[in-house]
PDB file of all heavy atoms in Angstrom:
ATOM      1  N   GLN A   1     -25.298  56.430  41.108  1.00  0.00           N
ATOM      2  CA  GLN A   1     -25.949  56.172  39.822  1.00  0.00           C
ATOM      3  C   GLN A   1     -25.771  54.714  39.399  1.00  0.00           C
ATOM      4  O   GLN A   1     -26.715  54.069  38.946  1.00  0.00           O
ATOM      5  CB  GLN A   1     -25.367  57.070  38.739  1.00  0.00           C
ATOM      6  CG  GLN A   1     -25.776  58.502  38.836  1.00  0.00           C
ATOM      7  CD  GLN A   1     -25.055  59.358  37.800  1.00  0.00           C
ATOM      8  OE1 GLN A   1     -24.074  58.935  37.191  1.00  0.00           O
ATOM      9  NE2 GLN A   1     -25.531  60.573  37.616  1.00  0.00           N
ATOM     10  N   GLY A   2     -24.563  54.207  39.555  1.00  0.00           N
ATOM     11  CA  GLY A   2     -24.302  52.818  39.177  1.00  0.00           C
ATOM     12  C   GLY A   2     -25.069  51.833  40.045  1.00  0.00           C
ATOM     13  O   GLY A   2     -25.670  50.881  39.539  1.00  0.00           O
ATOM     14  N   LEU A   3     -25.045  52.036  41.344  1.00  0.00           N
ATOM     15  CA  LEU A   3     -25.769  51.141  42.252  1.00  0.00           C
ATOM     16  C   LEU A   3     -27.262  51.143  41.936  1.00  0.00           C
ATOM     17  O   LEU A   3     -27.900  50.087  41.899  1.00  0.00           O
ATOM     18  CB  LEU A   3     -25.540  51.552  43.709  1.00  0.00           C
ATOM     19  CG  LEU A   3     -24.141  51.335  44.269  1.00  0.00           C
ATOM     20  CD1 LEU A   3     -24.012  51.983  45.638  1.00  0.00           C
ATOM     21  CD2 LEU A   3     -23.811  49.848  44.345  1.00  0.00           C
ATOM     22  N   GLN A   4     -27.805  52.338  41.706  1.00  0.00           N
ATOM     23  CA  GLN A   4     -29.237  52.429  41.399  1.00  0.00           C
ATOM     24  C   GLN A   4     -29.551  51.744  40.074  1.00  0.00           C
ATOM     25  O   GLN A   4     -30.553  51.047  39.948  1.00  0.00           O
ATOM     26  CB  GLN A   4     -29.680  53.894  41.349  1.00  0.00           C
ATOM     27  CG  GLN A   4     -31.168  54.053  41.211  1.00  0.00           C
ATOM     28  CD  GLN A   4     -31.921  53.543  42.417  1.00  0.00           C
ATOM     29  OE1 GLN A   4     -31.659  53.965  43.538  1.00  0.00           O
ATOM     30  NE2 GLN A   4     -32.842  52.628  42.211  1.00  0.00           N
ATOM     31  N   HIS A   5     -28.666  51.905  39.094  1.00  0.00           N
ATOM     32  CA  HIS A   5     -28.866  51.260  37.800  1.00  0.00           C
ATOM     33  C   HIS A   5     -28.925  49.739  37.953  1.00  0.00           C
ATOM     34  O   HIS A   5     -29.837  49.085  37.436  1.00  0.00           O
ATOM     35  CB  HIS A   5     -27.735  51.643  36.837  1.00  0.00           C
ATOM     36  CG  HIS A   5     -27.735  50.853  35.580  1.00  0.00           C
ATOM     37  ND1 HIS A   5     -28.567  51.144  34.514  1.00  0.00           N
ATOM     38  CD2 HIS A   5     -27.018  49.756  35.211  1.00  0.00           C
ATOM     39  CE1 HIS A   5     -28.352  50.262  33.550  1.00  0.00           C
ATOM     40  NE2 HIS A   5     -27.422  49.420  33.940  1.00  0.00           N
ATOM     41  N   TYR A   6     -27.961  49.177  38.660  1.00  0.00           N
ATOM     42  CA  TYR A   6     -27.931  47.723  38.812  1.00  0.00           C
ATOM     43  C   TYR A   6     -29.076  47.232  39.682  1.00  0.00           C
ATOM     44  O   TYR A   6     -29.620  46.156  39.441  1.00  0.00           O
ATOM     45  CB  TYR A   6     -26.582  47.266  39.356  1.00  0.00           C
ATOM     46  CG  TYR A   6     -25.499  47.372  38.314  1.00  0.00           C
ATOM     47  CD1 TYR A   6     -24.483  48.300  38.420  1.00  0.00           C
ATOM     48  CD2 TYR A   6     -25.527  46.568  37.177  1.00  0.00           C
ATOM     49  CE1 TYR A   6     -23.506  48.408  37.439  1.00  0.00           C
ATOM     50  CE2 TYR A   6     -24.563  46.667  36.190  1.00  0.00           C
ATOM     51  CZ  TYR A   6     -23.553  47.597  36.337  1.00  0.00           C
ATOM     52  OH  TYR A   6     -22.599  47.708  35.354  1.00  0.00           O
ATOM     53  N   ARG A   7     -29.470  48.015  40.675  1.00  0.00           N
ATOM     54  CA  ARG A   7     -30.609  47.624  41.510  1.00  0.00           C
ATOM     55  C   ARG A   7     -31.883  47.599  40.664  1.00  0.00           C
ATOM     56  O   ARG A   7     -32.680  46.679  40.754  1.00  0.00           O
ATOM     57  CB  ARG A   7     -30.743  48.591  42.688  1.00  0.00           C
ATOM     58  CG  ARG A   7     -31.905  48.281  43.618  1.00  0.00           C
ATOM     59  CD  ARG A   7     -31.754  46.887  44.211  1.00  0.00           C
ATOM     60  NE  ARG A   7     -32.887  46.512  44.994  1.00  0.00           N
ATOM     61  CZ  ARG A   7     -33.958  45.884  44.526  1.00  0.00           C
ATOM     62  NH1 ARG A   7     -34.047  45.560  43.246  1.00  0.00           N
ATOM     63  NH2 ARG A   7     -34.943  45.532  45.316  1.00  0.00           N
ATOM     64  N   ASP A   8     -32.064  48.610  39.838  1.00  0.00           N
ATOM     65  CA  ASP A   8     -33.228  48.653  38.944  1.00  0.00           C
ATOM     66  C   ASP A   8     -33.189  47.498  37.958  1.00  0.00           C
ATOM     67  O   ASP A   8     -34.213  46.886  37.652  1.00  0.00           O
ATOM     68  CB  ASP A   8     -33.284  49.979  38.187  1.00  0.00           C
ATOM     69  CG  ASP A   8     -33.579  51.171  39.078  1.00  0.00           C
ATOM     70  OD1 ASP A   8     -34.036  50.965  40.227  1.00  0.00           O
ATOM     71  OD2 ASP A   8     -33.344  52.303  38.635  1.00  0.00           O
ATOM     72  N   LEU A   9     -32.012  47.190  37.455  1.00  0.00           N
ATOM     73  CA  LEU A   9     -31.859  46.103  36.491  1.00  0.00           C
ATOM     74  C   LEU A   9     -32.216  44.755  37.119  1.00  0.00           C
ATOM     75  O   LEU A   9     -32.904  43.940  36.507  1.00  0.00           O
ATOM     76  CB  LEU A   9     -30.418  46.083  35.982  1.00  0.00           C
ATOM     77  CG  LEU A   9     -30.127  45.270  34.739  1.00  0.00           C
ATOM     78  CD1 LEU A   9     -30.970  45.753  33.570  1.00  0.00           C
ATOM     79  CD2 LEU A   9     -28.654  45.368  34.391  1.00  0.00           C
ATOM     80  N   LEU A  10     -31.781  44.540  38.364  1.00  0.00           N
ATOM     81  CA  LEU A  10     -32.103  43.280  39.043  1.00  0.00           C
ATOM     82  C   LEU A  10     -33.598  43.150  39.326  1.00  0.00           C
ATOM     83  O   LEU A  10     -34.109  42.040  39.449  1.00  0.00           O
ATOM     84  CB  LEU A  10     -31.312  43.151  40.343  1.00  0.00           C
ATOM     85  CG  LEU A  10     -29.823  42.860  40.170  1.00  0.00           C
ATOM     86  CD1 LEU A  10     -29.096  42.971  41.496  1.00  0.00           C
ATOM     87  CD2 LEU A  10     -29.609  41.488  39.565  1.00  0.00           C
ATOM     88  N   GLY A  11     -34.279  44.276  39.421  1.00  0.00           N
ATOM     89  CA  GLY A  11     -35.724  44.243  39.653  1.00  0.00           C
ATOM     90  C   GLY A  11     -36.534  44.242  38.367  1.00  0.00           C
ATOM     91  O   GLY A  11     -37.756  44.262  38.413  1.00  0.00           O
ATOM     92  N   SER A  12     -35.856  44.194  37.236  1.00  0.00           N
ATOM     93  CA  SER A  12     -36.556  44.253  35.952  1.00  0.00           C
ATOM     94  C   SER A  12     -36.974  42.863  35.475  1.00  0.00           C
ATOM     95  O   SER A  12     -36.662  41.843  36.107  1.00  0.00           O
ATOM     96  CB  SER A  12     -35.661  44.913  34.898  1.00  0.00           C
ATOM     97  OG  SER A  12     -34.635  44.019  34.512  1.00  0.00           O
ATOM     98  N   ASP A  13     -37.641  42.829  34.334  1.00  0.00           N
ATOM     99  CA  ASP A  13     -38.114  41.556  33.778  1.00  0.00           C
ATOM    100  C   ASP A  13     -36.966  40.625  33.379  1.00  0.00           C
ATOM    101  O   ASP A  13     -37.164  39.424  33.263  1.00  0.00           O
ATOM    102  CB  ASP A  13     -39.037  41.807  32.582  1.00  0.00           C
ATOM    103  CG  ASP A  13     -38.305  42.364  31.372  1.00  0.00           C
ATOM    104  OD1 ASP A  13     -37.334  43.127  31.561  1.00  0.00           O
ATOM    105  OD2 ASP A  13     -38.706  42.046  30.238  1.00  0.00           O
ATOM    106  N   ILE A  14     -35.783  41.165  33.216  1.00  0.00           N
ATOM    107  CA  ILE A  14     -34.630  40.338  32.820  1.00  0.00           C
ATOM    108  C   ILE A  14     -34.348  39.263  33.865  1.00  0.00           C
ATOM    109  O   ILE A  14     -33.972  38.142  33.527  1.00  0.00           O
ATOM    110  CB  ILE A  14     -33.381  41.220  32.615  1.00  0.00           C
ATOM    111  CG1 ILE A  14     -33.604  42.168  31.441  1.00  0.00           C
ATOM    112  CG2 ILE A  14     -32.128  40.385  32.408  1.00  0.00           C
ATOM    113  CD1 ILE A  14     -32.538  43.232  31.304  1.00  0.00           C
ATOM    114  N   PHE A  15     -34.570  39.588  35.131  1.00  0.00           N
ATOM    115  CA  PHE A  15     -34.237  38.658  36.211  1.00  0.00           C
ATOM    116  C   PHE A  15     -35.463  38.006  36.852  1.00  0.00           C
ATOM    117  O   PHE A  15     -35.358  37.441  37.935  1.00  0.00           O
ATOM    118  CB  PHE A  15     -33.399  39.373  37.287  1.00  0.00           C
ATOM    119  CG  PHE A  15     -31.983  39.614  36.858  1.00  0.00           C
ATOM    120  CD1 PHE A  15     -31.614  40.801  36.248  1.00  0.00           C
ATOM    121  CD2 PHE A  15     -31.019  38.634  37.045  1.00  0.00           C
ATOM    122  CE1 PHE A  15     -30.308  41.020  35.838  1.00  0.00           C
ATOM    123  CE2 PHE A  15     -29.711  38.846  36.641  1.00  0.00           C
ATOM    124  CZ  PHE A  15     -29.357  40.044  36.033  1.00  0.00           C
ATOM    125  N   THR A  16     -36.621  38.026  36.185  1.00  0.00           N
ATOM    126  CA  THR A  16     -37.801  37.405  36.791  1.00  0.00           C
ATOM    127  C   THR A  16     -37.655  35.888  36.896  1.00  0.00           C
ATOM    128  O   THR A  16     -38.148  35.287  37.846  1.00  0.00           O
ATOM    129  CB  THR A  16     -39.093  37.735  35.999  1.00  0.00           C
ATOM    130  OG1 THR A  16     -38.895  37.415  34.633  1.00  0.00           O
ATOM    131  CG2 THR A  16     -39.475  39.182  36.160  1.00  0.00           C
ATOM    132  N   THR A  17     -36.968  35.260  35.946  1.00  0.00           N
ATOM    133  CA  THR A  17     -36.806  33.806  36.010  1.00  0.00           C
ATOM    134  C   THR A  17     -35.584  33.401  36.841  1.00  0.00           C
ATOM    135  O   THR A  17     -35.427  32.230  37.154  1.00  0.00           O
ATOM    136  CB  THR A  17     -36.643  33.212  34.590  1.00  0.00           C
ATOM    137  OG1 THR A  17     -35.499  33.795  33.967  1.00  0.00           O
ATOM    138  CG2 THR A  17     -37.889  33.467  33.755  1.00  0.00           C
ATOM    139  N   ARG A  18     -34.762  34.372  37.179  1.00  0.00           N
ATOM    140  CA  ARG A  18     -33.555  34.094  37.963  1.00  0.00           C
ATOM    141  C   ARG A  18     -33.353  35.203  39.000  1.00  0.00           C
ATOM    142  O   ARG A  18     -32.401  35.984  38.929  1.00  0.00           O
ATOM    143  CB  ARG A  18     -32.351  34.023  37.039  1.00  0.00           C
ATOM    144  CG  ARG A  18     -31.067  33.616  37.730  1.00  0.00           C
ATOM    145  CD  ARG A  18     -29.903  33.651  36.760  1.00  0.00           C
ATOM    146  NE  ARG A  18     -28.674  33.254  37.418  1.00  0.00           N
ATOM    147  CZ  ARG A  18     -27.477  33.454  36.906  1.00  0.00           C
ATOM    148  NH1 ARG A  18     -27.347  34.026  35.730  1.00  0.00           N
ATOM    149  NH2 ARG A  18     -26.412  33.069  37.551  1.00  0.00           N
ATOM    150  N   PRO A  19     -34.243  35.268  39.981  1.00  0.00           N
ATOM    151  CA  PRO A  19     -34.094  36.331  40.984  1.00  0.00           C
ATOM    152  C   PRO A  19     -32.849  36.091  41.836  1.00  0.00           C
ATOM    153  O   PRO A  19     -32.483  34.947  42.117  1.00  0.00           O
ATOM    154  CB  PRO A  19     -35.376  36.244  41.815  1.00  0.00           C
ATOM    155  CG  PRO A  19     -35.909  34.883  41.570  1.00  0.00           C
ATOM    156  CD  PRO A  19     -35.400  34.424  40.234  1.00  0.00           C
ATOM    157  N   LEU A  20     -32.210  37.177  42.205  1.00  0.00           N
ATOM    158  CA  LEU A  20     -31.015  37.107  43.047  1.00  0.00           C
ATOM    159  C   LEU A  20     -31.217  38.013  44.260  1.00  0.00           C
ATOM    160  O   LEU A  20     -30.655  39.108  44.351  1.00  0.00           O
ATOM    161  CB  LEU A  20     -29.781  37.534  42.241  1.00  0.00           C
ATOM    162  CG  LEU A  20     -29.463  36.672  41.023  1.00  0.00           C
ATOM    163  CD1 LEU A  20     -28.428  37.336  40.130  1.00  0.00           C
ATOM    164  CD2 LEU A  20     -28.984  35.299  41.463  1.00  0.00           C
ATOM    165  N   PRO A  21     -32.039  37.551  45.229  1.00  0.00           N
ATOM    166  CA  PRO A  21     -32.386  38.420  46.361  1.00  0.00           C
ATOM    167  C   PRO A  21     -31.179  38.844  47.197  1.00  0.00           C
ATOM    168  O   PRO A  21     -31.136  39.964  47.695  1.00  0.00           O
ATOM    169  CB  PRO A  21     -33.367  37.577  47.181  1.00  0.00           C
ATOM    170  CG  PRO A  21     -33.193  36.180  46.718  1.00  0.00           C
ATOM    171  CD  PRO A  21     -32.665  36.240  45.328  1.00  0.00           C
ATOM    172  N   TRP A  22     -30.196  37.987  47.348  1.00  0.00           N
ATOM    173  CA  TRP A  22     -29.021  38.356  48.141  1.00  0.00           C
ATOM    174  C   TRP A  22     -28.236  39.474  47.461  1.00  0.00           C
ATOM    175  O   TRP A  22     -27.669  40.345  48.117  1.00  0.00           O
ATOM    176  CB  TRP A  22     -28.122  37.146  48.393  1.00  0.00           C
ATOM    177  CG  TRP A  22     -27.605  36.521  47.130  1.00  0.00           C
ATOM    178  CD1 TRP A  22     -28.166  35.502  46.419  1.00  0.00           C
ATOM    179  CD2 TRP A  22     -26.451  36.914  46.391  1.00  0.00           C
ATOM    180  NE1 TRP A  22     -27.432  35.230  45.297  1.00  0.00           N
ATOM    181  CE2 TRP A  22     -26.362  36.085  45.254  1.00  0.00           C
ATOM    182  CE3 TRP A  22     -25.476  37.886  46.569  1.00  0.00           C
ATOM    183  CZ2 TRP A  22     -25.347  36.198  44.312  1.00  0.00           C
ATOM    184  CZ3 TRP A  22     -24.463  37.998  45.633  1.00  0.00           C
ATOM    185  CH2 TRP A  22     -24.405  37.151  44.519  1.00  0.00           C
ATOM    186  N   LEU A  23     -28.225  39.472  46.140  1.00  0.00           N
ATOM    187  CA  LEU A  23     -27.541  40.520  45.389  1.00  0.00           C
ATOM    188  C   LEU A  23     -28.314  41.836  45.495  1.00  0.00           C
ATOM    189  O   LEU A  23     -27.728  42.893  45.715  1.00  0.00           O
ATOM    190  CB  LEU A  23     -27.410  40.082  43.924  1.00  0.00           C
ATOM    191  CG  LEU A  23     -26.515  40.895  43.014  1.00  0.00           C
ATOM    192  CD1 LEU A  23     -25.133  41.075  43.591  1.00  0.00           C
ATOM    193  CD2 LEU A  23     -26.415  40.212  41.657  1.00  0.00           C
ATOM    194  N   GLU A  24     -29.622  41.747  45.381  1.00  0.00           N
ATOM    195  CA  GLU A  24     -30.463  42.935  45.545  1.00  0.00           C
ATOM    196  C   GLU A  24     -30.295  43.501  46.950  1.00  0.00           C
ATOM    197  O   GLU A  24     -30.216  44.720  47.133  1.00  0.00           O
ATOM    198  CB  GLU A  24     -31.930  42.594  45.300  1.00  0.00           C
ATOM    199  CG  GLU A  24     -32.248  42.288  43.849  1.00  0.00           C
ATOM    200  CD  GLU A  24     -33.712  41.963  43.633  1.00  0.00           C
ATOM    201  OE1 GLU A  24     -34.571  42.718  44.146  1.00  0.00           O
ATOM    202  OE2 GLU A  24     -34.002  40.964  42.952  1.00  0.00           O
ATOM    203  N   SER A  25     -30.211  42.630  47.943  1.00  0.00           N
ATOM    204  CA  SER A  25     -30.043  43.071  49.323  1.00  0.00           C
ATOM    205  C   SER A  25     -28.716  43.805  49.519  1.00  0.00           C
ATOM    206  O   SER A  25     -28.666  44.845  50.183  1.00  0.00           O
ATOM    207  CB  SER A  25     -30.128  41.859  50.259  1.00  0.00           C
ATOM    208  OG  SER A  25     -29.838  42.226  51.575  1.00  0.00           O
ATOM    209  N   ALA A  26     -27.640  43.266  48.956  1.00  0.00           N
ATOM    210  CA  ALA A  26     -26.331  43.920  49.075  1.00  0.00           C
ATOM    211  C   ALA A  26     -26.358  45.293  48.413  1.00  0.00           C
ATOM    212  O   ALA A  26     -25.829  46.272  48.959  1.00  0.00           O
ATOM    213  CB  ALA A  26     -25.238  43.045  48.475  1.00  0.00           C
ATOM    214  N   LEU A  27     -26.985  45.382  47.242  1.00  0.00           N
ATOM    215  CA  LEU A  27     -27.081  46.672  46.561  1.00  0.00           C
ATOM    216  C   LEU A  27     -27.940  47.643  47.364  1.00  0.00           C
ATOM    217  O   LEU A  27     -27.622  48.834  47.458  1.00  0.00           O
ATOM    218  CB  LEU A  27     -27.635  46.498  45.148  1.00  0.00           C
ATOM    219  CG  LEU A  27     -26.706  45.795  44.164  1.00  0.00           C
ATOM    220  CD1 LEU A  27     -27.411  45.565  42.831  1.00  0.00           C
ATOM    221  CD2 LEU A  27     -25.423  46.573  43.952  1.00  0.00           C
ATOM    222  N   ASP A  28     -29.025  47.154  47.958  1.00  0.00           N
ATOM    223  CA  ASP A  28     -29.870  48.006  48.801  1.00  0.00           C
ATOM    224  C   ASP A  28     -29.088  48.540  49.999  1.00  0.00           C
ATOM    225  O   ASP A  28     -29.232  49.711  50.372  1.00  0.00           O
ATOM    226  CB  ASP A  28     -31.107  47.241  49.288  1.00  0.00           C
ATOM    227  CG  ASP A  28     -32.161  47.080  48.215  1.00  0.00           C
ATOM    228  OD1 ASP A  28     -32.162  47.875  47.245  1.00  0.00           O
ATOM    229  OD2 ASP A  28     -32.993  46.142  48.331  1.00  0.00           O
ATOM    230  N   GLN A  29     -28.261  47.687  50.604  1.00  0.00           N
ATOM    231  CA  GLN A  29     -27.454  48.136  51.744  1.00  0.00           C
ATOM    232  C   GLN A  29     -26.467  49.222  51.324  1.00  0.00           C
ATOM    233  O   GLN A  29     -26.325  50.244  52.003  1.00  0.00           O
ATOM    234  CB  GLN A  29     -26.701  46.956  52.357  1.00  0.00           C
ATOM    235  CG  GLN A  29     -27.575  45.992  53.111  1.00  0.00           C
ATOM    236  CD  GLN A  29     -26.783  44.778  53.596  1.00  0.00           C
ATOM    237  OE1 GLN A  29     -25.562  44.759  53.558  1.00  0.00           O
ATOM    238  NE2 GLN A  29     -27.491  43.762  54.055  1.00  0.00           N
ATOM    239  N   LEU A  30     -25.790  49.004  50.201  1.00  0.00           N
ATOM    240  CA  LEU A  30     -24.850  50.020  49.716  1.00  0.00           C
ATOM    241  C   LEU A  30     -25.575  51.306  49.338  1.00  0.00           C
ATOM    242  O   LEU A  30     -25.102  52.405  49.629  1.00  0.00           O
ATOM    243  CB  LEU A  30     -24.052  49.487  48.521  1.00  0.00           C
ATOM    244  CG  LEU A  30     -22.934  48.515  48.862  1.00  0.00           C
ATOM    245  CD1 LEU A  30     -22.376  47.875  47.603  1.00  0.00           C
ATOM    246  CD2 LEU A  30     -21.835  49.222  49.634  1.00  0.00           C
ATOM    247  N   LEU A  31     -26.736  51.163  48.704  1.00  0.00           N
ATOM    248  CA  LEU A  31     -27.521  52.353  48.360  1.00  0.00           C
ATOM    249  C   LEU A  31     -27.895  53.135  49.612  1.00  0.00           C
ATOM    250  O   LEU A  31     -27.832  54.370  49.621  1.00  0.00           O
ATOM    251  CB  LEU A  31     -28.788  51.960  47.597  1.00  0.00           C
ATOM    252  CG  LEU A  31     -28.637  51.776  46.104  1.00  0.00           C
ATOM    253  CD1 LEU A  31     -29.865  51.097  45.519  1.00  0.00           C
ATOM    254  CD2 LEU A  31     -28.388  53.105  45.422  1.00  0.00           C
ATOM    255  N   GLY A  32     -28.273  52.422  50.654  1.00  0.00           N
ATOM    256  CA  GLY A  32     -28.621  53.088  51.907  1.00  0.00           C
ATOM    257  C   GLY A  32     -27.462  53.873  52.488  1.00  0.00           C
ATOM    258  O   GLY A  32     -27.643  54.948  53.060  1.00  0.00           O
ATOM    259  N   LEU A  33     -26.259  53.368  52.328  1.00  0.00           N
ATOM    260  CA  LEU A  33     -25.076  54.055  52.854  1.00  0.00           C
ATOM    261  C   LEU A  33     -24.652  55.224  51.975  1.00  0.00           C
ATOM    262  O   LEU A  33     -24.167  56.236  52.470  1.00  0.00           O
ATOM    263  CB  LEU A  33     -23.915  53.063  52.985  1.00  0.00           C
ATOM    264  CG  LEU A  33     -24.098  51.977  54.038  1.00  0.00           C
ATOM    265  CD1 LEU A  33     -23.042  50.900  53.881  1.00  0.00           C
ATOM    266  CD2 LEU A  33     -24.055  52.582  55.433  1.00  0.00           C
ATOM    267  N   VAL A  34     -24.821  55.104  50.676  1.00  0.00           N
ATOM    268  CA  VAL A  34     -24.333  56.120  49.747  1.00  0.00           C
ATOM    269  C   VAL A  34     -25.404  57.167  49.442  1.00  0.00           C
ATOM    270  O   VAL A  34     -25.087  58.287  49.083  1.00  0.00           O
ATOM    271  CB  VAL A  34     -23.830  55.451  48.442  1.00  0.00           C
ATOM    272  CG1 VAL A  34     -23.401  56.471  47.413  1.00  0.00           C
ATOM    273  CG2 VAL A  34     -22.669  54.522  48.754  1.00  0.00           C
ATOM    274  N   GLN A  35     -26.676  56.848  49.631  1.00  0.00           N
ATOM    275  CA  GLN A  35     -27.751  57.769  49.257  1.00  0.00           C
ATOM    276  C   GLN A  35     -27.775  59.032  50.084  1.00  0.00           C
ATOM    277  O   GLN A  35     -28.520  59.945  49.779  1.00  0.00           O
ATOM    278  CB  GLN A  35     -29.109  57.086  49.331  1.00  0.00           C
ATOM    279  CG  GLN A  35     -29.442  56.376  48.059  1.00  0.00           C
ATOM    280  CD  GLN A  35     -30.848  55.827  48.064  1.00  0.00           C
ATOM    281  OE1 GLN A  35     -31.471  55.672  49.101  1.00  0.00           O
ATOM    282  NE2 GLN A  35     -31.351  55.515  46.898  1.00  0.00           N
ATOM    283  N   GLU A  36     -26.950  59.114  51.108  1.00  0.00           N
ATOM    284  CA  GLU A  36     -26.872  60.354  51.878  1.00  0.00           C
ATOM    285  C   GLU A  36     -26.446  61.498  50.972  1.00  0.00           C
ATOM    286  O   GLU A  36     -26.675  62.649  51.256  1.00  0.00           O
ATOM    287  CB  GLU A  36     -25.842  60.210  52.994  1.00  0.00           C
ATOM    288  CG  GLU A  36     -26.151  59.133  53.982  1.00  0.00           C
ATOM    289  CD  GLU A  36     -24.991  58.888  54.922  1.00  0.00           C
ATOM    290  OE1 GLU A  36     -23.864  59.326  54.622  1.00  0.00           O
ATOM    291  OE2 GLU A  36     -25.216  58.267  55.952  1.00  0.00           O
ATOM    292  N   HIS A  37     -25.802  61.181  49.866  1.00  0.00           N
ATOM    293  CA  HIS A  37     -25.269  62.193  48.964  1.00  0.00           C
ATOM    294  C   HIS A  37     -26.228  62.511  47.833  1.00  0.00           C
ATOM    295  O   HIS A  37     -25.830  63.049  46.820  1.00  0.00           O
ATOM    296  CB  HIS A  37     -23.912  61.729  48.429  1.00  0.00           C
ATOM    297  CG  HIS A  37     -22.911  61.631  49.527  1.00  0.00           C
ATOM    298  ND1 HIS A  37     -22.138  62.691  49.905  1.00  0.00           N
ATOM    299  CD2 HIS A  37     -22.604  60.627  50.360  1.00  0.00           C
ATOM    300  CE1 HIS A  37     -21.372  62.337  50.915  1.00  0.00           C
ATOM    301  NE2 HIS A  37     -21.636  61.094  51.208  1.00  0.00           N
ATOM    302  N   GLY A  38     -27.468  62.175  47.992  1.00  0.00           N
ATOM    303  CA  GLY A  38     -28.467  62.476  46.980  1.00  0.00           C
ATOM    304  C   GLY A  38     -29.314  61.257  46.708  1.00  0.00           C
ATOM    305  O   GLY A  38     -28.848  60.139  46.818  1.00  0.00           O
TER     306      GLY A  38
END
């Protein structure tokens, strides 16, 4: 839930002027590993 929340937040309008692709990538990798549980 936390990883998904922060991933969604990084993709929101809040970060359009300051994108952090490396941070989004790290969260995506962790989500891929943890999403096995739902």
